Protein backbone atom coordinates (compact mmCIF):
# COMPACT_ATOMS: atom_id res chain seq x y z
CA MET A 1 0.00 0.00 0.00
CA ALA A 2 1.46 3.37 -0.98
CA PHE A 3 1.13 6.56 1.03
CA GLY A 4 1.73 10.11 -0.11
CA LEU A 5 5.02 11.86 0.44
CA ILE A 6 5.20 14.12 3.46
CA LEU A 7 5.16 17.72 2.31
CA PRO A 8 8.21 19.70 3.46
CA GLU A 9 6.05 22.16 5.42
CA LEU A 10 4.63 19.25 7.44
CA LEU A 11 7.97 17.64 8.23
CA PRO A 12 8.85 18.18 11.91
CA ALA A 13 12.12 19.81 12.81
CA HIS A 14 15.00 17.71 14.13
CA VAL A 15 13.97 14.48 12.39
CA ARG A 16 16.82 11.97 12.55
CA GLU A 17 17.47 8.93 10.45
CA GLY A 18 15.21 6.12 11.63
CA ASP A 19 12.61 8.44 13.18
CA VAL A 20 9.04 7.55 12.26
CA VAL A 21 6.89 10.31 10.75
CA TYR A 22 3.29 9.98 9.59
CA VAL A 23 0.37 12.32 8.90
CA LEU A 24 -3.34 11.84 9.63
CA ASP A 25 -6.28 13.60 8.02
CA GLY A 26 -9.43 14.73 9.83
CA ALA A 27 -10.85 11.19 9.68
CA LEU A 28 -7.67 9.88 11.40
CA ASN A 29 -6.54 8.02 8.28
CA VAL A 30 -2.83 7.89 7.43
CA VAL A 31 -2.38 10.02 4.32
CA ALA A 32 1.41 10.37 4.30
CA ALA A 33 4.26 8.46 5.91
CA ASN A 34 7.99 8.08 5.60
CA ASP A 35 9.80 4.82 4.88
CA ALA A 36 10.62 4.34 8.57
CA TRP A 37 6.88 4.17 9.40
CA THR A 38 6.30 1.44 6.80
CA ALA A 39 9.34 -0.51 8.02
CA PHE A 40 8.22 -0.19 11.65
CA ALA A 41 4.72 -1.45 10.79
CA ARG A 42 6.08 -4.48 8.95
CA ASP A 43 8.59 -5.30 11.69
CA ASN A 44 5.84 -5.24 14.30
CA HIS A 45 3.25 -7.44 12.63
CA GLY A 46 1.52 -4.45 11.09
CA ASP A 47 1.56 -5.94 7.59
CA LYS A 48 -2.19 -6.60 7.91
CA LEU A 49 -2.66 -2.84 8.13
CA LEU A 50 -0.69 -2.36 4.94
CA ARG A 51 -2.23 -5.12 2.88
CA GLY A 52 -5.58 -5.07 1.10
CA ARG A 53 -7.00 -2.03 2.85
CA GLY A 54 -8.41 1.14 1.38
CA CYS A 55 -7.00 3.14 4.28
CA VAL A 56 -5.12 2.76 7.53
CA ASN A 57 -6.83 4.39 10.48
CA ALA A 58 -4.75 5.50 13.47
CA LEU A 59 -7.20 3.96 15.94
CA ASP A 60 -6.98 0.48 14.39
CA ASN A 61 -3.96 -0.42 16.49
CA PHE A 62 -5.55 0.57 19.81
CA SER A 63 -8.02 -1.24 22.03
CA GLY A 64 -9.68 -0.76 25.40
CA SER A 65 -8.78 2.34 27.39
CA ASP A 66 -5.95 3.24 24.99
CA ARG A 67 -8.43 3.54 22.14
CA THR A 68 -10.74 5.67 24.27
CA ARG A 69 -7.86 7.88 25.37
CA TRP A 70 -6.60 8.47 21.83
CA GLN A 71 -10.10 9.15 20.56
CA ARG A 72 -10.43 11.91 23.16
CA LEU A 73 -6.95 13.29 22.40
CA TYR A 74 -7.56 13.39 18.67
CA GLN A 75 -10.91 15.07 19.17
CA ALA A 76 -9.24 17.80 21.27
CA LEU A 77 -6.46 18.26 18.70
CA LEU A 78 -8.82 18.42 15.70
CA ALA A 79 -11.09 20.87 17.53
CA GLY A 80 -8.12 23.15 18.23
CA ARG A 81 -8.50 22.85 22.01
CA LEU A 82 -5.10 21.16 22.20
CA HIS A 83 -2.28 22.51 20.02
CA ALA A 84 0.17 19.63 20.50
CA HIS A 85 0.58 16.48 22.55
CA ALA A 86 3.80 14.75 23.58
CA GLU A 87 4.45 11.68 25.67
CA ASP A 88 7.07 9.08 26.40
CA LEU A 89 5.57 5.71 25.64
CA SER A 90 6.48 2.07 25.61
CA CYS A 91 5.95 -0.04 22.53
CA PRO A 92 6.57 -3.55 23.80
CA SER A 93 6.35 -6.90 22.11
CA PRO A 94 6.37 -10.26 23.95
CA GLN A 95 10.15 -10.41 23.54
CA GLN A 96 11.26 -6.75 23.65
CA ARG A 97 10.60 -3.50 25.48
CA ARG A 98 11.07 -0.24 23.57
CA ALA A 99 10.97 3.29 24.95
CA LEU A 100 9.84 5.92 22.45
CA HIS A 101 8.92 9.60 22.44
CA LEU A 102 5.86 10.72 20.45
CA ARG A 103 4.96 14.28 19.56
CA VAL A 104 1.74 15.13 17.71
CA THR A 105 1.36 18.61 16.21
CA VAL A 106 -1.48 20.19 14.24
CA SER A 107 -1.39 21.67 10.75
CA ARG A 108 -4.01 24.25 9.78
CA ASP A 109 -5.36 25.54 6.47
CA ALA A 110 -5.59 29.18 5.44
CA ASP A 111 -8.80 29.57 7.45
CA GLY A 112 -7.19 28.26 10.63
CA LYS A 113 -8.98 24.89 10.57
CA VAL A 114 -6.97 21.87 11.70
CA VAL A 115 -6.62 19.59 8.67
CA HIS A 116 -3.65 17.34 9.54
CA LEU A 117 -2.11 15.76 12.62
CA VAL A 118 1.64 15.22 12.24
CA HIS A 119 3.24 12.43 14.31
CA HIS A 120 6.96 12.24 15.03
CA VAL A 121 8.26 9.17 16.89
CA SER A 122 11.85 9.06 18.11
CA GLY A 123 13.85 7.32 20.80
CA ALA A 124 12.88 8.43 24.30
CA ALA A 125 15.12 10.98 25.99
CA GLU A 126 16.50 10.58 29.49
CA THR A 127 13.62 11.05 31.88
CA LEU A 128 15.32 11.92 35.15
CA ASP A 129 18.58 13.44 36.28
CA ASN A 130 20.90 11.02 38.03
CA GLU A 131 21.23 13.32 41.00
CA GLY A 132 18.92 15.63 42.87
CA SER A 133 21.58 18.33 43.29
CA ASP A 134 19.28 21.14 42.12
CA GLY A 135 16.83 20.56 44.97
CA ARG A 136 14.57 18.14 43.09
CA PRO A 137 14.23 14.61 44.47
CA GLY A 138 16.89 12.24 43.20
CA PRO A 139 16.36 8.59 42.27
CA ALA A 140 17.10 7.25 45.76
CA GLU A 141 14.61 9.65 47.35
CA ILE A 142 11.93 8.85 44.76
CA ARG A 143 12.35 5.12 45.31
CA ALA A 144 12.14 5.51 49.09
CA GLU A 145 9.05 7.73 48.92
CA TYR A 146 7.26 5.49 46.42
CA LEU A 147 7.90 2.45 48.60
CA GLU A 148 6.67 4.16 51.77
CA ARG A 149 3.78 6.25 50.43
CA LEU A 150 2.42 4.01 47.69
CA LEU A 151 3.69 0.43 47.69
CA LYS A 152 3.22 0.00 51.45
CA ARG A 153 0.00 1.99 51.62
CA THR A 154 -2.96 0.19 53.19
CA VAL A 155 -6.26 0.79 51.42
CA SER A 156 -9.38 0.50 53.55
CA ALA A 157 -13.02 1.58 53.67
CA PRO A 158 -15.61 1.30 56.47
CA ARG A 159 -18.10 -1.54 55.89
CA PHE A 160 -16.01 -2.99 53.07
CA ALA A 161 -13.38 -5.69 52.90
CA VAL A 162 -10.55 -4.43 50.67
CA MET A 163 -7.69 -6.33 49.07
CA ARG A 164 -5.05 -4.82 46.84
CA ARG A 165 -1.99 -5.94 44.90
CA LEU A 166 0.38 -3.48 43.26
CA LEU A 167 3.27 -4.92 41.23
CA PRO A 168 5.54 -2.36 39.50
CA LEU A 169 7.31 -3.41 36.33
CA GLU A 170 10.56 -2.14 37.85
CA ASP A 171 11.34 -1.53 41.52
CA VAL A 172 9.04 1.51 41.30
CA GLY A 173 6.35 2.47 38.82
CA GLY A 174 3.41 4.66 37.92
CA ASP A 175 0.43 2.76 39.36
CA LEU A 176 -1.04 4.14 42.58
CA LEU A 177 -3.86 3.42 44.99
CA TRP A 178 -5.20 6.08 47.35
CA HIS A 179 -8.11 6.33 49.76
CA HIS A 180 -9.68 8.84 52.14
CA VAL A 181 -12.57 8.29 54.58
CA ARG A 182 -14.83 11.35 54.58
CA ASP A 183 -16.73 12.76 57.57
CA ASP A 184 -20.09 11.57 56.20
CA GLY A 185 -18.93 7.90 56.26
CA SER A 186 -18.25 7.64 52.54
CA THR A 187 -14.81 6.65 51.24
CA ASP A 188 -13.00 8.09 48.24
CA LEU A 189 -10.77 5.67 46.32
CA VAL A 190 -8.47 6.36 43.40
CA LEU A 191 -6.75 3.84 41.16
CA ALA A 192 -4.48 5.72 38.76
CA ASP A 193 -2.03 4.62 36.09
CA VAL A 194 0.66 7.13 35.13
CA ALA A 195 2.02 6.99 31.57
CA GLY A 196 5.45 5.37 31.40
CA HIS A 197 7.48 3.26 33.80
CA GLY A 198 10.19 3.48 36.39
CA LEU A 199 11.42 6.59 38.15
CA GLY A 200 9.71 9.14 35.91
CA ALA A 201 6.32 7.52 36.38
CA ALA A 202 6.93 7.10 40.12
CA ALA A 203 7.72 10.81 40.49
CA MET A 204 4.44 11.66 38.77
CA ALA A 205 2.52 9.15 40.89
CA LEU A 206 3.89 10.74 44.05
CA THR A 207 2.80 14.17 42.80
CA ILE A 208 -0.74 12.91 42.16
CA GLU A 209 -0.87 11.33 45.62
CA GLU A 210 0.25 14.64 47.14
CA LEU A 211 -2.44 16.59 45.24
CA LEU A 212 -5.10 14.08 46.29
CA GLU A 213 -4.08 14.41 49.93
CA GLU A 214 -4.16 18.22 49.77
CA ALA A 215 -7.73 18.21 48.41
CA ALA A 216 -9.00 15.17 50.32
CA ASP A 217 -11.63 17.07 52.32
CA ALA A 218 -12.69 19.44 49.54
CA PRO A 219 -16.46 19.49 48.91
CA GLY A 220 -17.92 18.30 45.65
CA GLN A 221 -18.88 15.20 43.74
CA VAL A 222 -16.33 12.83 42.28
CA HIS A 223 -16.29 14.44 38.82
CA GLU A 224 -15.50 17.76 40.52
CA GLN A 225 -12.65 16.09 42.41
CA VAL A 226 -11.24 14.81 39.11
CA MET A 227 -11.53 18.26 37.55
CA ARG A 228 -9.75 19.77 40.54
CA LEU A 229 -6.96 17.19 40.30
CA ASN A 230 -6.54 17.84 36.58
CA GLN A 231 -6.34 21.61 37.00
CA ARG A 232 -3.80 21.42 39.79
CA LEU A 233 -1.73 18.85 37.93
CA CYS A 234 -1.65 20.99 34.77
CA GLN A 235 -0.75 24.02 36.90
CA ARG A 236 2.09 22.04 38.48
CA HIS A 237 3.37 21.20 34.98
CA ALA A 238 3.20 24.84 33.90
CA LEU A 239 5.18 26.03 36.93
CA SER A 240 7.84 23.38 36.54
CA GLU A 241 10.94 24.20 34.54
CA ARG A 242 11.71 20.54 33.84
CA ARG A 243 10.21 18.39 31.10
CA TRP A 244 7.98 15.86 32.80
CA PRO A 245 8.73 12.40 31.39
CA SER A 246 5.28 11.18 32.43
CA SER A 247 2.83 14.02 32.06
CA PHE A 248 -0.61 12.42 32.41
CA ALA A 249 -2.49 9.61 34.10
CA THR A 250 -5.56 7.50 33.46
CA GLY A 251 -7.67 6.09 36.24
CA VAL A 252 -10.91 6.02 38.19
CA PHE A 253 -12.12 8.10 41.13
CA VAL A 254 -14.67 6.19 43.23
CA ARG A 255 -16.79 7.28 46.18
CA LEU A 256 -18.21 4.38 48.18
CA ARG A 257 -21.56 5.18 49.84
CA PRO A 258 -22.38 2.11 51.96
CA GLU A 259 -25.63 3.51 53.37
CA ALA A 260 -26.99 3.79 49.83
CA GLN A 261 -25.46 0.46 48.72
CA ALA A 262 -23.95 2.42 45.86
CA LEU A 263 -20.82 4.05 44.54
CA ASP A 264 -20.21 7.10 42.40
CA ILE A 265 -17.47 6.61 39.82
CA CYS A 266 -15.67 8.91 37.40
CA SER A 267 -13.33 7.49 34.77
CA PHE A 268 -10.50 9.51 33.28
CA ALA A 269 -9.78 7.33 30.22
CA HIS A 270 -9.79 4.06 32.16
CA HIS A 271 -11.51 0.67 31.94
CA GLY A 272 -14.85 -0.54 33.12
CA ALA A 273 -15.53 -2.03 36.54
CA ILE A 274 -16.17 -5.76 37.05
CA PHE A 275 -18.93 -6.78 39.52
CA SER A 276 -19.50 -10.26 40.92
CA GLU A 277 -23.01 -10.60 39.43
CA ALA A 278 -23.16 -8.27 36.43
CA GLY A 279 -19.62 -8.82 35.18
CA LEU A 280 -18.01 -6.02 33.20
CA VAL A 281 -19.81 -2.67 33.48
CA PRO A 282 -18.60 -0.18 30.85
CA LEU A 283 -17.83 3.33 32.06
CA ASN A 284 -18.35 6.67 30.38
CA SER A 285 -14.96 8.31 30.18
CA GLY A 286 -13.17 11.62 29.73
CA LEU A 287 -9.58 12.56 28.95
CA PRO A 288 -6.69 11.56 31.20
CA VAL A 289 -5.68 14.09 33.84
CA GLY A 290 -2.64 16.29 33.23
CA ILE A 291 -3.05 17.03 29.51
CA LEU A 292 -5.41 19.98 29.10
CA ARG A 293 -6.26 22.31 31.96
CA HIS A 294 -9.62 23.67 30.88
CA LEU A 295 -11.98 20.82 30.06
CA GLU A 296 -15.68 20.17 30.31
CA ALA A 297 -16.80 18.07 33.27
CA TRP A 298 -15.81 14.40 33.32
CA PRO A 299 -18.81 12.04 33.17
CA GLN A 300 -19.94 10.54 36.47
CA GLN A 301 -22.01 7.40 37.03
CA THR A 302 -23.75 5.83 40.01
CA LEU A 303 -23.55 2.03 40.28
CA ARG A 304 -25.40 -0.11 42.82
CA PHE A 305 -24.01 -3.07 44.73
CA ASP A 306 -27.47 -4.51 45.42
CA THR A 307 -28.12 -5.00 41.69
CA LEU A 308 -24.60 -5.49 40.25
CA GLY A 309 -23.02 -7.62 42.96
CA LYS A 310 -21.38 -7.22 46.37
CA ARG A 311 -17.85 -7.60 45.00
CA LEU A 312 -16.07 -5.12 42.74
CA LEU A 313 -12.77 -5.49 40.86
CA LEU A 314 -10.77 -2.54 39.53
CA PHE A 315 -7.47 -2.98 37.69
CA SER A 316 -4.78 -1.18 35.72
CA ASP A 317 -3.79 -1.51 32.05
CA GLY A 318 -0.88 -3.80 32.80
CA VAL A 319 -3.23 -6.63 33.82
CA ILE A 320 -5.39 -6.81 30.71
CA GLU A 321 -2.75 -5.71 28.19
CA GLN A 322 -0.24 -8.39 29.19
CA PHE A 323 1.02 -10.34 26.18
CA ASN A 324 1.56 -14.05 25.90
CA ALA A 325 4.36 -15.51 23.77
CA GLN A 326 2.09 -15.52 20.70
CA GLY A 327 1.42 -11.76 20.94
CA GLU A 328 -2.16 -12.11 22.24
CA MET A 329 -3.39 -9.88 25.07
CA PHE A 330 -5.00 -11.12 28.27
CA GLY A 331 -7.98 -8.84 27.75
CA THR A 332 -10.84 -7.52 29.85
CA GLU A 333 -13.27 -10.30 28.91
CA ARG A 334 -10.88 -13.02 30.11
CA LEU A 335 -10.42 -11.16 33.41
CA ALA A 336 -14.17 -10.70 33.84
CA ARG A 337 -14.85 -14.42 33.23
CA ALA A 338 -12.17 -15.42 35.71
CA PHE A 339 -13.58 -13.06 38.35
CA LEU A 340 -17.11 -14.41 37.90
CA ASP A 341 -15.74 -17.94 38.36
CA CYS A 342 -14.28 -16.97 41.77
CA LYS A 343 -17.52 -16.17 43.60
CA ARG A 344 -17.02 -18.89 46.23
CA LEU A 345 -13.39 -18.02 47.00
CA SER A 346 -12.26 -15.70 49.79
CA LEU A 347 -10.93 -12.31 48.72
CA PRO A 348 -7.23 -13.22 49.21
CA LEU A 349 -7.72 -16.39 47.18
CA VAL A 350 -9.47 -14.42 44.43
CA LEU A 351 -6.47 -12.12 44.06
CA ASP A 352 -4.09 -15.08 44.10
CA HIS A 353 -6.14 -16.85 41.44
CA LEU A 354 -6.34 -13.81 39.14
CA HIS A 355 -2.62 -13.12 39.48
CA LEU A 356 -1.66 -16.75 38.80
CA LEU A 357 -3.97 -16.85 35.78
CA ASN A 358 -2.35 -13.68 34.43
CA GLU A 359 1.13 -15.16 34.96
CA SER A 360 0.17 -18.50 33.41
CA PHE A 361 -1.19 -16.68 30.35
CA ARG A 362 2.02 -14.63 30.08
CA GLY A 363 4.23 -17.70 30.02
CA SER A 364 7.66 -16.84 28.62
CA ALA A 365 6.67 -13.36 27.41
CA LEU A 366 8.07 -10.28 29.12
CA ILE A 367 5.97 -8.47 31.71
CA LYS A 368 4.56 -5.48 29.82
CA ASP A 369 3.65 -2.91 32.46
CA ASP A 370 2.91 -2.16 36.11
CA ARG A 371 0.00 -4.33 37.28
CA THR A 372 -2.55 -3.43 39.95
CA TRP A 373 -5.68 -5.14 41.25
CA LEU A 374 -8.13 -3.56 43.73
CA LEU A 375 -10.85 -5.86 45.08
CA LEU A 376 -13.72 -4.74 47.31
CA GLU A 377 -16.59 -6.57 48.98
CA GLN A 378 -19.50 -4.84 50.68
CA LEU A 379 -20.02 -6.29 54.16
CA SER A 380 -23.47 -7.02 55.60
């Protein structure tokens, strides 16, 4: 399949040999690409995209929360609400981990309308200084704080049994769990997944935990709490002189209301929730936090334990997007079926079973990402 040549005015500055460059139109179809893009697609089992198709759509290679997130990002870019987006990302296969840097910029016509989205993919830059000599936390301090504040953190909620398992890809990572018991007896819970891995993601996770703590007693519904977190996170980025290696996070903000046998939930580009009777419950979703400061309200839903089931499972991307040696992903449906099969097991045994199933599926493939499970059961 042949693509158009990239016009000189669309070519990003500082493109090096081997960098991947491709251009999308307003329908998110690839309309121009360099040879490195075609070679990358073929080397990574993307030949199906290149063969026998009238077009290649940018969303074809995404699934689950990633697809939702990129849909929202592209909508913001095409509408002109976001002028550019950059992130460090991993592009793993079952046998290899690759760290890349992606920058998406807009191209406008004479009337100012966004007509093209230009993508430039290069090797990822260093994400953290080796020393904290300028007053910023160094690697040793970040590791110590992540261990103490996040990995060792106990998550609890009145009138609920709570089990959690947080397994970073490296010694530290970007997944976090946070809770706060409010004066009215409700409990706020956050499961968040920072983009990236390692120290950079851990530094961002610690910042989010700090912002959540500072606003823990603020009034407002959960979607207002997410909006507040997003605004403060974007403000923190703007005031920082450093380039943040991990600049955004996906996740869910949950408020447990045991008296009402219900929870309020707000998803910022994350997955559905799995209940012990209803199985997977899809969630309405907004953009991740940390990308665009001024956004419309995130959607909020109310879900009931008395109709959906007394047990609830929340999880991070690393669980369902784990590869096996054949390049297949574990997937949300497999996780939901396994959870429904565990109704008679105690909560600790449920977590053990789900983790062992995930590991058995992975086999000899590399671990792809940080993995987190959060399991709750409403008590009588």
